[in-house]
Protein backbone atom coordinates (compact mmCIF):
# COMPACT_ATOMS: atom_id res chain seq x y z
CA MET A 1 11.58 103.01 105.10
CA ARG A 2 15.13 104.32 104.47
CA ASN A 3 18.59 102.71 104.07
CA SER A 4 21.87 103.49 105.88
CA HIS A 5 24.92 102.12 104.07
CA MET A 6 28.20 104.04 104.14
CA THR A 7 31.74 103.29 105.17
CA ARG A 8 33.04 104.71 108.44
CA ARG A 9 35.51 106.93 106.58
CA VAL A 10 32.78 108.53 104.49
CA LYS A 11 30.57 108.87 107.55
CA LEU A 12 33.17 110.82 109.50
CA ALA A 13 33.98 113.08 106.56
CA VAL A 14 30.35 113.91 105.99
CA ALA A 15 29.79 114.39 109.72
CA ALA A 16 32.54 116.99 109.95
CA ALA A 17 31.22 118.84 106.94
CA THR A 18 27.67 118.70 108.27
CA VAL A 19 28.62 120.31 111.60
CA ALA A 20 30.32 123.14 109.70
CA VAL A 21 27.30 123.97 107.55
CA LEU A 22 24.40 123.32 109.91
CA ALA A 23 23.77 127.02 110.39
CA ALA A 24 23.40 127.46 106.64
CA LEU A 25 20.72 124.81 106.42
CA ALA A 26 18.09 126.93 108.18
CA VAL A 27 15.37 127.85 105.68
CA SER A 28 12.71 130.42 106.50
CA VAL A 29 9.28 130.21 104.89
CA GLY A 30 6.79 133.07 105.21
CA PRO A 31 7.17 136.51 106.77
CA VAL A 32 9.71 136.97 109.53
CA GLN A 33 8.11 137.26 112.97
CA ALA A 34 11.08 137.74 115.32
CA GLU A 35 8.92 139.38 117.91
CA ASN A 36 6.43 136.49 118.00
CA PRO A 37 8.11 133.18 119.01
CA SER A 38 4.75 131.39 119.03
CA GLY A 39 4.60 131.77 115.25
CA ARG A 40 7.91 129.98 114.59
CA VAL A 41 8.14 126.30 113.65
CA LEU A 42 11.33 124.21 113.69
CA VAL A 43 11.11 121.30 111.23
CA LEU A 44 13.69 118.56 111.78
CA HIS A 45 13.92 115.90 109.05
CA SER A 46 15.66 112.58 109.60
CA TYR A 47 17.16 112.53 106.12
CA HIS A 48 18.42 114.99 103.52
CA HIS A 49 17.11 117.69 101.23
CA GLY A 50 16.46 116.33 97.74
CA MET A 51 15.24 112.97 99.01
CA GLU A 52 11.70 112.61 97.64
CA TRP A 53 10.32 111.38 100.96
CA CYS A 54 11.66 114.38 102.90
CA ASP A 55 10.70 116.90 100.24
CA ASP A 56 7.11 115.60 100.09
CA ILE A 57 6.80 115.67 103.90
CA GLN A 58 8.12 119.25 103.92
CA GLN A 59 5.54 120.32 101.36
CA GLY A 60 2.83 118.57 103.35
CA VAL A 61 3.85 120.39 106.56
CA GLU A 62 3.67 123.76 104.80
CA ASP A 63 0.28 122.92 103.27
CA GLY A 64 -1.05 121.68 106.62
CA LEU A 65 0.03 124.89 108.38
CA LYS A 66 -1.79 126.94 105.75
CA GLU A 67 -4.84 124.70 105.99
CA GLY A 68 -4.81 125.16 109.76
CA GLY A 69 -4.76 128.94 109.38
CA ALA A 70 -1.33 129.48 110.94
CA ALA A 71 0.92 132.28 109.66
CA ALA A 72 4.14 130.49 110.56
CA THR A 73 7.83 131.06 109.97
CA LEU A 74 9.63 127.77 109.31
CA THR A 75 13.24 126.79 109.98
CA VAL A 76 14.23 123.46 108.39
CA GLU A 77 17.09 121.21 109.57
CA TYR A 78 18.24 117.77 108.32
CA LEU A 79 19.90 114.88 110.27
CA ASP A 80 21.09 113.24 107.01
CA ALA A 81 20.61 109.81 108.62
CA ALA A 82 20.16 107.95 105.32
CA ARG A 83 23.70 108.87 104.28
CA LEU A 84 25.42 109.09 107.70
CA GLY A 85 23.75 106.09 109.31
CA ALA A 86 22.11 105.94 112.73
CA SER A 87 25.42 105.52 114.56
CA GLY A 88 26.91 108.51 112.77
CA VAL A 89 24.03 110.71 113.82
CA GLY A 90 24.07 109.47 117.38
CA LYS A 91 27.79 109.86 118.08
CA ASP A 92 29.36 112.33 115.71
CA VAL A 93 26.72 114.73 114.49
CA GLY A 94 24.09 114.22 117.18
CA ARG A 95 25.92 115.97 120.03
CA ALA A 96 27.11 118.82 117.82
CA LEU A 97 23.63 119.34 116.39
CA ALA A 98 22.07 119.22 119.87
CA ASP A 99 24.47 121.91 121.09
CA TYR A 100 23.79 124.01 117.99
CA LEU A 101 19.99 123.75 118.36
CA ALA A 102 20.16 124.49 122.08
CA ARG A 103 22.03 127.73 121.41
CA ARG A 104 19.77 128.63 118.51
CA LEU A 105 16.51 128.02 120.36
CA LYS A 106 17.78 129.96 123.35
CA SER A 107 18.38 133.09 121.28
CA TYR A 108 15.63 132.43 118.76
CA PRO A 109 12.80 130.55 120.49
CA TYR A 110 10.14 128.55 118.64
CA GLY A 111 6.52 127.67 119.27
CA VAL A 112 6.64 124.03 118.16
CA VAL A 113 9.03 121.41 116.76
CA VAL A 114 7.96 119.09 113.92
CA CYS A 115 9.98 115.85 113.54
CA SER A 116 9.77 113.59 110.50
CA ASP A 117 10.63 109.88 110.76
CA ASP A 118 12.12 107.82 113.59
CA PRO A 119 15.70 109.23 113.84
CA ALA A 120 14.47 112.80 114.24
CA LEU A 121 11.94 111.88 116.94
CA VAL A 122 14.50 109.76 118.82
CA PHE A 123 17.02 112.61 118.59
CA VAL A 124 14.58 115.27 119.85
CA LEU A 125 13.25 113.18 122.72
CA ALA A 126 16.78 112.22 123.78
CA ASN A 127 17.97 115.85 123.75
CA ARG A 128 14.72 117.62 124.60
CA GLU A 129 15.79 118.95 127.98
CA ALA A 130 19.00 120.35 126.51
CA ILE A 131 17.42 121.79 123.37
CA ALA A 132 14.08 123.21 124.52
CA PRO A 133 12.51 121.94 127.71
CA GLY A 134 8.72 121.74 127.46
CA LEU A 135 8.60 122.80 123.80
CA PRO A 136 5.63 121.06 122.06
CA VAL A 137 6.67 118.33 119.64
CA VAL A 138 4.74 116.99 116.63
CA PHE A 139 6.05 113.93 114.80
CA CYS A 140 5.18 112.15 111.56
CA GLY A 141 6.53 109.18 109.61
CA VAL A 142 7.29 107.20 112.79
CA ASN A 143 7.13 103.45 112.18
CA ASP A 144 5.21 101.07 114.43
CA PHE A 145 4.35 103.78 116.93
CA GLN A 146 3.66 102.61 120.48
CA PRO A 147 2.39 104.89 123.29
CA GLY A 148 5.28 103.75 125.46
CA MET A 149 7.66 105.58 123.13
CA LEU A 150 6.47 108.86 124.69
CA GLU A 151 6.76 107.74 128.30
CA GLY A 152 8.11 110.57 130.42
CA HIS A 153 7.34 113.21 127.81
CA LYS A 154 4.47 115.70 127.77
CA ASP A 155 3.05 117.83 124.96
CA VAL A 156 4.07 115.35 122.28
CA THR A 157 1.66 114.26 119.53
CA GLY A 158 1.86 113.29 115.90
CA VAL A 159 1.05 110.89 113.07
CA SER A 160 1.96 107.22 113.06
CA GLU A 161 3.44 105.65 109.94
CA ALA A 162 1.78 102.26 109.70
CA PRO A 163 2.39 100.42 106.42
CA SER A 164 -0.71 98.69 105.03
CA PHE A 165 1.03 95.40 104.32
CA GLN A 166 -2.05 93.21 104.41
CA GLU A 167 -4.16 95.45 102.12
CA THR A 168 -1.26 95.78 99.67
CA LEU A 169 -0.60 92.04 99.52
CA GLU A 170 -4.32 91.24 99.20
CA ALA A 171 -4.48 93.66 96.26
CA GLY A 172 -1.52 91.86 94.66
CA LEU A 173 -3.12 88.44 95.14
CA ARG A 174 -6.37 89.73 93.65
CA LEU A 175 -4.67 91.21 90.59
CA PHE A 176 -2.37 88.19 90.09
CA PRO A 177 -4.25 85.04 91.17
CA GLY A 178 -1.36 82.76 90.14
CA ALA A 179 1.15 84.35 92.54
CA ASP A 180 2.19 82.29 95.59
CA LYS A 181 5.71 83.59 96.33
CA LEU A 182 6.96 86.93 97.69
CA LEU A 183 10.43 88.47 97.36
CA VAL A 184 11.07 91.12 100.05
CA LEU A 185 13.87 93.69 99.64
CA GLY A 186 15.30 94.54 103.07
CA ASP A 187 18.37 95.85 104.89
CA ASP A 188 19.88 95.88 108.39
CA SER A 189 18.22 99.10 109.57
CA LEU A 190 15.97 99.56 112.61
CA THR A 191 13.22 100.69 110.26
CA PHE A 192 13.30 97.39 108.37
CA SER A 193 13.24 95.44 111.64
CA LYS A 194 10.02 97.21 112.66
CA ASN A 195 8.48 96.81 109.21
CA ARG A 196 9.42 93.12 109.07
CA ALA A 197 7.48 92.47 112.25
CA GLY A 198 4.43 94.19 110.77
CA LEU A 199 4.84 92.25 107.51
CA GLU A 200 4.93 88.92 109.35
CA ARG A 201 1.68 89.78 111.13
CA ALA A 202 0.09 90.68 107.79
CA LEU A 203 1.28 87.46 106.11
CA SER A 204 -0.44 85.36 108.75
CA GLY A 205 -3.77 87.01 108.00
CA LEU A 206 -3.78 86.72 104.19
CA SER A 207 -6.56 84.95 102.34
CA ARG A 208 -3.90 82.91 100.51
CA GLN A 209 -0.51 82.01 101.97
CA LEU A 210 2.73 83.14 100.37
CA SER A 211 6.21 81.68 100.66
CA VAL A 212 8.62 84.52 101.47
CA GLU A 213 12.23 85.20 100.48
CA ILE A 214 14.15 88.20 101.88
CA LEU A 215 16.91 89.78 99.80
CA SER A 216 19.26 91.86 101.99
CA PRO A 217 21.14 94.13 101.58
CA PRO A 218 19.27 95.59 98.57
CA ARG A 219 22.24 96.11 96.27
CA MET A 220 21.07 97.10 92.82
CA GLU A 221 23.15 94.47 91.03
CA ALA A 222 21.84 91.70 93.31
CA ILE A 223 18.26 92.87 92.85
CA GLU A 224 18.62 92.86 89.07
CA ALA A 225 20.18 89.40 89.08
CA ARG A 226 17.44 87.91 91.28
CA LEU A 227 14.60 89.57 89.39
CA ARG A 228 15.79 88.01 86.12
CA THR A 229 15.19 84.54 87.56
CA LEU A 230 11.68 85.08 88.93
CA GLY A 231 8.70 83.39 87.32
CA ARG A 232 5.16 84.70 86.99
CA ASP A 233 4.18 83.18 90.34
CA TRP A 234 6.23 85.82 92.20
CA LEU A 235 5.42 89.19 93.73
CA VAL A 236 8.06 91.69 94.89
CA LEU A 237 7.71 93.96 97.93
CA PRO A 238 10.53 96.48 98.58
CA LEU A 239 11.00 97.50 102.24
CA ALA A 240 14.33 99.20 101.51
CA ARG A 241 15.67 101.56 98.84
CA PRO A 242 18.09 100.01 96.29
CA VAL A 243 21.72 101.05 96.84
CA GLN A 244 24.83 101.00 94.69
CA ASP A 245 28.35 101.91 95.77
CA ASN A 246 27.03 102.70 99.29
CA ALA A 247 24.65 105.33 97.90
CA LEU A 248 20.92 105.34 97.29
CA VAL A 249 20.04 104.73 93.66
CA PRO A 250 17.86 107.58 92.35
CA LEU A 251 14.28 106.43 92.11
CA ALA A 252 13.98 107.14 88.38
CA GLU A 253 17.10 105.09 87.63
CA ALA A 254 15.99 102.29 89.94
CA GLY A 255 12.59 102.18 88.25
CA ARG A 256 14.14 102.05 84.79
CA ARG A 257 16.58 99.27 85.70
CA ILE A 258 14.05 97.17 87.60
CA SER A 259 11.48 97.39 84.80
CA ALA A 260 14.14 96.38 82.27
CA VAL A 261 14.93 93.06 83.99
CA SER A 262 11.75 92.12 85.86
CA SER A 263 8.74 90.32 84.42
CA VAL A 264 6.88 90.23 87.75
CA PRO A 265 4.95 93.01 89.53
CA MET A 266 6.53 94.98 92.35
CA LEU A 267 4.10 96.14 95.04
CA ALA A 268 4.57 99.25 97.15
CA CYS A 269 3.69 100.43 100.65
CA TRP A 270 5.25 103.90 100.23
CA ASP A 271 4.23 106.33 97.51
CA PHE A 272 7.80 107.20 96.48
CA MET A 273 8.33 103.60 95.38
CA LEU A 274 5.88 104.25 92.55
CA LYS A 275 8.74 106.22 90.99
CA ALA A 276 11.01 103.17 91.26
CA GLY A 277 9.06 100.81 89.02
CA ALA A 278 6.43 99.64 91.54
CA LEU A 279 2.92 98.80 90.39
CA GLY A 280 1.26 100.11 93.54
CA GLY A 281 -0.63 99.17 96.67
CA LYS A 282 -2.05 100.85 99.73
CA VAL A 283 0.77 103.31 100.21
CA ILE A 284 1.95 105.68 102.89
CA SER A 285 1.86 109.20 101.53
CA ALA A 286 4.72 111.44 102.62
CA HIS A 287 2.66 114.51 101.82
CA ALA A 288 -0.32 113.21 103.82
CA GLN A 289 1.96 112.49 106.81
CA GLY A 290 3.40 116.01 106.67
CA PHE A 291 -0.01 117.57 106.06
CA GLU A 292 -1.54 116.05 109.20
CA ALA A 293 1.53 117.05 111.24
CA GLY A 294 1.28 120.59 109.86
CA ARG A 295 -2.38 120.83 110.87
CA MET A 296 -1.51 119.67 114.40
CA ALA A 297 1.29 122.26 114.60
CA ALA A 298 -1.13 124.95 113.43
CA ALA A 299 -3.58 124.00 116.19
CA ILE A 300 -0.77 124.26 118.77
CA LEU A 301 0.25 127.69 117.44
CA ARG A 302 -3.38 128.79 117.80
CA GLY A 303 -3.34 127.82 121.48
CA THR A 304 -4.41 124.18 121.66
CA PRO A 305 -2.17 122.23 124.11
CA ALA A 306 -0.27 119.45 122.35
CA GLY A 307 -1.39 117.03 125.07
CA ASP A 308 -5.01 117.61 124.05
CA ILE A 309 -4.34 116.49 120.46
CA PRO A 310 -4.43 112.67 120.23
CA VAL A 311 -1.80 110.81 118.23
CA LEU A 312 -3.18 109.81 114.81
CA THR A 313 -2.54 106.06 114.94
CA GLN A 314 -4.50 105.33 111.76
CA SER A 315 -1.93 106.15 109.11
CA PRO A 316 -3.55 108.20 106.27
CA ASN A 317 -2.72 105.62 103.61
CA ARG A 318 -4.45 105.28 100.25
CA LEU A 319 -4.61 102.87 97.34
CA LEU A 320 -2.42 104.13 94.49
CA PHE A 321 -1.29 102.43 91.28
CA ASP A 322 1.04 103.53 88.50
CA HIS A 323 -0.54 103.80 85.05
CA ALA A 324 2.58 102.72 83.13
CA GLN A 325 2.93 99.55 85.22
CA MET A 326 -0.78 98.82 84.81
CA LEU A 327 -0.32 98.90 81.04
CA ARG A 328 2.73 96.68 81.37
CA PHE A 329 0.72 94.01 83.19
CA SER A 330 -2.48 94.53 81.12
CA LEU A 331 -4.53 95.83 84.03
CA GLU A 332 -7.63 97.99 83.71
CA LYS A 333 -9.08 100.45 86.20
CA GLY A 334 -11.92 98.04 86.82
CA ASP A 335 -9.44 95.42 88.02
CA LEU A 336 -8.19 97.61 90.88
CA PRO A 337 -9.60 97.50 94.42
CA GLN A 338 -12.48 99.84 95.10
CA GLY A 339 -11.38 103.40 95.85
CA ALA A 340 -7.98 103.03 94.15
CA ALA A 341 -6.49 105.99 92.30
CA VAL A 342 -4.18 105.89 89.27
CA LEU A 343 -1.02 107.99 89.11
CA HIS A 344 0.72 109.30 86.00
CA GLU A 345 -2.33 108.56 83.89
CA PRO A 346 -2.10 110.46 80.60
CA ALA A 347 -4.40 113.42 80.64
CA SER A 348 -7.44 113.15 78.45
CA PHE A 349 -7.76 115.59 75.60
CA TYR A 350 -10.19 117.58 77.74
CA GLN A 351 -7.88 117.61 80.76
CA ALA A 352 -4.92 118.71 78.64
CA ASN A 353 -6.87 121.26 76.65
CA ALA A 354 -9.72 122.31 78.94
CA SER A 355 -9.52 125.98 78.03
CA LEU A 356 -9.31 125.12 74.33
CA VAL A 357 -12.27 122.74 74.65
CA TRP A 358 -14.39 125.33 76.43
CA THR A 359 -13.36 128.01 73.94
CA GLY A 360 -14.22 125.68 71.07
CA ALA A 361 -17.47 124.67 72.74
CA ALA A 362 -18.40 128.31 73.24
CA PHE A 363 -17.56 128.98 69.59
CA VAL A 364 -19.62 125.99 68.41
CA ILE A 365 -22.51 126.98 70.67
CA SER A 366 -22.29 130.50 69.29
CA LEU A 367 -22.36 129.10 65.77
CA LEU A 368 -25.29 126.84 66.62
CA LEU A 369 -27.11 129.73 68.24
CA GLY A 370 -26.37 131.83 65.18
CA LEU A 371 -27.65 129.02 62.95
CA VAL A 372 -30.81 128.71 65.03
CA ILE A 373 -31.40 132.45 64.82
CA LEU A 374 -30.65 132.34 61.10
CA ALA A 375 -33.01 129.38 60.63
CA VAL A 376 -35.75 131.18 62.54
CA ASN A 377 -35.20 134.29 60.45
CA ILE A 378 -35.22 132.23 57.25
CA ALA A 379 -38.44 130.52 58.34
CA ARG A 380 -40.01 133.89 59.12
CA ARG A 381 -38.75 135.25 55.83
CA GLU A 382 -40.17 132.29 53.93
CA ARG A 383 -43.52 132.72 55.67
CA ALA A 384 -43.45 136.42 54.85
CA GLU A 385 -42.53 135.63 51.25
CA ARG A 386 -45.38 133.13 51.01
CA ARG A 387 -47.78 135.68 52.42
CA LEU A 388 -46.40 138.27 50.02
CA GLN A 389 -46.75 135.86 47.11
CA ALA A 390 -50.31 135.09 48.18
CA GLN A 391 -51.07 138.78 48.41
CA TYR A 392 -49.44 139.36 45.02
CA ALA A 393 -51.46 136.52 43.51
CA PHE A 394 -54.61 137.97 45.06
CA VAL A 395 -53.83 141.44 43.71
CA GLN A 396 -53.10 140.00 40.27
CA ALA A 397 -56.36 138.05 40.33
CA LEU A 398 -58.17 141.17 41.45
CA LEU A 399 -56.57 143.19 38.66
CA GLU A 400 -57.51 140.56 36.09
CA ALA A 401 -61.09 140.56 37.39
CA ILE A 402 -61.39 144.31 36.82
CA PRO A 403 -62.67 144.96 33.29
CA ASN A 404 -61.06 148.38 33.17
CA PRO A 405 -57.41 148.64 32.15
CA VAL A 406 -55.19 148.98 35.27
CA PHE A 407 -51.45 149.66 35.47
CA TYR A 408 -48.85 150.60 38.08
CA LYS A 409 -45.40 152.02 37.62
CA ASN A 410 -42.48 153.20 39.76
CA ALA A 411 -41.29 156.74 40.30
CA ARG A 412 -38.99 156.44 37.27
CA GLY A 413 -41.98 155.83 35.04
CA GLU A 414 -41.25 152.14 34.43
CA TYR A 415 -44.32 149.89 34.30
CA LEU A 416 -44.17 147.28 37.05
CA GLY A 417 -47.37 145.48 36.13
CA CYS A 418 -50.78 145.67 34.52
CA ASN A 419 -53.84 143.57 33.85
CA ALA A 420 -54.90 141.90 30.63
CA ALA A 421 -57.39 144.68 29.88
CA PHE A 422 -54.59 147.26 29.88
CA ALA A 423 -52.47 145.01 27.62
CA ARG A 424 -55.39 144.70 25.18
CA GLN A 425 -55.94 148.43 25.29
CA ILE A 426 -52.28 149.09 24.52
CA GLY A 427 -52.22 146.37 21.90
CA ARG A 428 -49.14 144.68 23.32
CA PRO A 429 -48.51 141.57 25.47
CA LYS A 430 -47.62 142.14 29.13
CA GLU A 431 -44.01 141.09 28.53
CA GLN A 432 -43.62 144.11 26.21
CA ILE A 433 -45.09 146.49 28.79
CA VAL A 434 -43.46 145.50 32.12
CA ASN A 435 -40.16 147.33 32.76
CA LYS A 436 -40.89 149.59 29.79
CA ASN A 437 -41.37 153.36 29.86
CA VAL A 438 -44.32 155.32 28.47
CA CYS A 439 -42.00 156.43 25.69
CA ASP A 440 -41.87 152.79 24.54
CA ILE A 441 -45.64 152.41 24.13
CA ALA A 442 -46.86 155.90 23.18
CA THR A 443 -46.01 158.54 20.60
CA PRO A 444 -43.36 161.06 21.60
CA GLU A 445 -45.95 163.80 21.96
CA GLN A 446 -48.22 161.66 24.13
CA ALA A 447 -45.28 160.41 26.17
CA ARG A 448 -44.14 163.93 26.90
CA VAL A 449 -47.64 164.90 28.11
CA PHE A 450 -47.97 161.78 30.27
CA GLN A 451 -44.51 162.26 31.80
CA GLN A 452 -45.28 165.87 32.71
CA MET A 453 -48.55 164.88 34.35
CA ASP A 454 -46.85 161.99 36.20
CA GLN A 455 -44.20 164.37 37.56
CA VAL A 456 -46.90 166.75 38.82
CA LEU A 457 -48.73 163.82 40.40
CA LEU A 458 -45.60 162.57 42.20
CA GLU A 459 -44.78 166.05 43.48
CA THR A 460 -48.29 167.03 44.64
CA GLY A 461 -49.78 163.66 45.47
CA GLU A 462 -53.16 164.92 44.31
CA PRO A 463 -55.20 162.36 42.30
CA GLN A 464 -55.66 163.17 38.61
CA ASN A 465 -58.76 162.69 36.41
CA MET A 466 -58.38 163.50 32.72
CA GLU A 467 -59.36 162.55 29.21
CA ALA A 468 -56.65 161.66 26.75
CA LEU A 469 -56.31 160.42 23.22
CA PHE A 470 -54.26 157.29 22.74
CA HIS A 471 -53.03 156.19 19.35
CA ARG A 472 -52.81 152.42 19.18
CA PRO A 473 -50.18 150.55 17.18
CA ASP A 474 -52.93 149.43 14.73
CA GLY A 475 -53.52 153.07 13.79
CA THR A 476 -56.79 153.51 15.67
CA THR A 477 -57.31 156.23 18.25
CA GLN A 478 -59.05 155.81 21.59
CA VAL A 479 -60.43 158.36 23.95
CA MET A 480 -59.45 157.34 27.46
CA LEU A 481 -60.65 158.61 30.82
CA LEU A 482 -57.62 158.34 33.14
CA ASN A 483 -57.78 158.22 36.94
CA LYS A 484 -54.33 158.18 38.58
CA ALA A 485 -53.01 158.34 42.15
CA VAL A 486 -49.68 157.77 43.90
CA TYR A 487 -48.81 154.84 46.18
CA ARG A 488 -46.37 155.29 49.07
CA ASP A 489 -43.78 153.31 51.06
CA ASP A 490 -43.84 152.79 54.84
CA SER A 491 -42.22 156.20 55.33
CA GLY A 492 -44.98 157.98 53.42
CA ARG A 493 -42.82 158.80 50.40
CA ALA A 494 -44.48 158.58 46.97
CA VAL A 495 -42.72 155.76 45.14
CA GLY A 496 -45.02 155.09 42.19
CA ILE A 497 -48.28 155.64 40.36
CA VAL A 498 -51.33 153.44 39.91
CA GLY A 499 -53.81 154.23 37.18
CA VAL A 500 -57.18 153.06 35.90
CA SER A 501 -58.37 153.99 32.42
CA THR A 502 -61.78 153.74 30.82
CA ASP A 503 -62.33 153.60 27.07
CA ILE A 504 -64.92 156.31 26.42
CA THR A 505 -64.44 156.36 22.67
CA ALA A 506 -67.95 154.98 22.01
CA ALA A 507 -69.50 157.34 24.53
CA LYS A 508 -67.75 160.26 22.91
CA ARG A 509 -69.02 159.15 19.51
CA ALA A 510 -72.59 158.84 20.81
CA GLU A 511 -72.34 162.21 22.50
CA ARG A 512 -71.13 163.79 19.27
CA ALA A 513 -73.87 162.06 17.28
CA LEU A 514 -76.54 163.24 19.71
CA ARG A 515 -75.25 166.73 19.56
CA GLU A 516 -75.27 166.65 15.79
CA SER A 517 -78.79 165.19 15.77
CA GLU A 518 -80.08 167.92 18.05
CA GLN A 519 -78.53 170.53 15.80
CA ARG A 520 -80.21 169.03 12.75
CA TYR A 521 -83.57 168.84 14.55
CA ALA A 522 -83.30 172.51 15.54
CA LEU A 523 -82.63 173.48 11.94
CA VAL A 524 -85.64 171.44 10.78
CA MET A 525 -87.91 173.14 13.28
CA GLN A 526 -86.72 176.52 12.27
CA GLY A 527 -87.27 175.77 8.59
CA ALA A 528 -90.81 174.36 9.08
CA ASN A 529 -92.18 177.71 10.54
CA ASP A 530 -94.35 175.74 13.04
CA GLY A 531 -94.91 176.67 16.66
CA ILE A 532 -93.90 173.90 19.03
CA TRP A 533 -94.27 173.45 22.71
CA ASP A 534 -93.30 170.54 24.97
CA TRP A 535 -94.36 169.81 28.52
CA ASP A 536 -92.57 167.20 30.58
CA VAL A 537 -95.17 166.23 33.12
CA ARG A 538 -92.59 164.30 35.19
CA THR A 539 -90.37 167.26 35.85
CA GLY A 540 -92.86 170.05 35.31
CA THR A 541 -90.65 171.73 32.72
CA VAL A 542 -92.08 173.26 29.55
CA TYR A 543 -90.53 174.38 26.30
CA PHE A 544 -91.96 177.01 23.95
CA SER A 545 -90.30 177.48 20.60
CA PRO A 546 -89.63 181.07 19.48
CA ARG A 547 -92.11 180.62 16.62
CA TYR A 548 -94.81 179.50 19.05
CA LYS A 549 -94.25 182.58 21.21
CA GLU A 550 -94.36 184.75 18.09
CA MET A 551 -97.66 183.13 16.99
CA LEU A 552 -99.11 184.02 20.39
CA GLY A 553 -97.98 187.62 19.96
CA TYR A 554 -95.14 187.59 22.42
CA ALA A 555 -91.56 188.39 22.11
CA PRO A 556 -89.29 185.52 23.24
CA GLU A 557 -88.32 187.30 26.45
CA GLU A 558 -91.96 188.14 27.30
CA PHE A 559 -93.10 184.54 27.52
CA PRO A 560 -90.95 182.50 29.91
CA ASP A 561 -90.69 178.72 29.53
CA GLU A 562 -92.82 178.07 32.62
CA VAL A 563 -95.93 175.99 32.97
CA GLU A 564 -97.49 178.65 35.14
CA GLN A 565 -98.01 180.77 32.01
CA TRP A 566 -100.90 178.46 31.16
CA ARG A 567 -102.87 179.15 34.29
């Protein structure tokens, strides 16, 4: 759907300039393959470079060739029909371009020609014998294609451009139930004539009838004036591009101006109209048209005869709607027909910052994993601490149950703990013993002795058993039997001393008293001048006093203390 409005003077001027620069318009894409004509593709567009429709078709052709696995070299030419008009192409530029292409293809042959839109296909078929007899042709963007259009031509295939008028209008009626009128923007071109016939067929099959008004030609000022008067019961369907001063209005400008004056939705059957303020519809995609044509050209380059590739009569159209226009008319995604896509929708935070989101997610997951590991370690640590506390409580209970004084100290000589018996022995409360040194609880002389013995114990590791005098703070003195040993860490290094002491003061007193008693008894026996003997029948031992031996007439050494002497 393209317009053709220019004055004859402008047409002729542009035609002359076009003939002069046609050679410069050839554009090569991909590696040069001069020695392989079958890898070359000539793309002939009906309109001009910079026109969104042509540019999207061109990109689609290139993508389709790549998809089809063809390493092709492209040369791109433009008829400029939208600005020159059909008559200008046919009379002024057409013959010159045909002569130019004939000479070019003769010296630089191609494997296939791709034509976009009606003027290019009409031009190629009309000049095929002169340009390149028998050269395969692939077309796209051809309106209202009929098989009879290819009568007399072989090896021609392509993609039909069939606007989805009925589906688009049904979508409009569904979205705007109060609409019962349709304003159609048209012109005097052959393209509009074909599209008008298709529109009339679609109107007759609608679920709800519409009264139709056609505005032609589509001058921008006239469009703006008419749109200002439309009520909410209207729909607008453009079948021609807005023009101003005999030139196409850029789509962005047209969209801005139409949106500024119109309070009714504008439907679309071509995707480029979504850039001109249209809401949407089931649109013809220029890229999809070019893509399918590119895939067909790739198949031909790979050896498939063009005649074996059927024409794609089902136009690859799709339901598309513009997000900004949806907001304007308070439409939600759920209101759209099933399978519809939304263009220009603002990217979600995730779509706009996917790498940042994944990086942040990875960081958060790492933190969570770290927290889980930390929590597990803390739980294990708490369990270990509880076990350690239980063990410590058990050890303390065990120490308190031992009647003997017990202490333990580190390698520096500082008391780490003791039981109540040790505290009573020292004559101090535990609080005055723990973390204290032996110098704090013993006399300097005693402390020096204990420190020396502790040092030997730590160095040798040999247990110590000794008796020691301990002077208590109350002035009394105790005789203590000390048993000390080292305790070690997990590496086997001696890190402290544990000791158990026994108060043997009473035993020492009894021992001394017994010894003194025995001495006194011996003196008594000696002073009494009596002979004494003693026989322990349990052990069989016998004792003869010296006086007894003397009374028997024996010297002490002559009469052994043996019971056998009596036999």
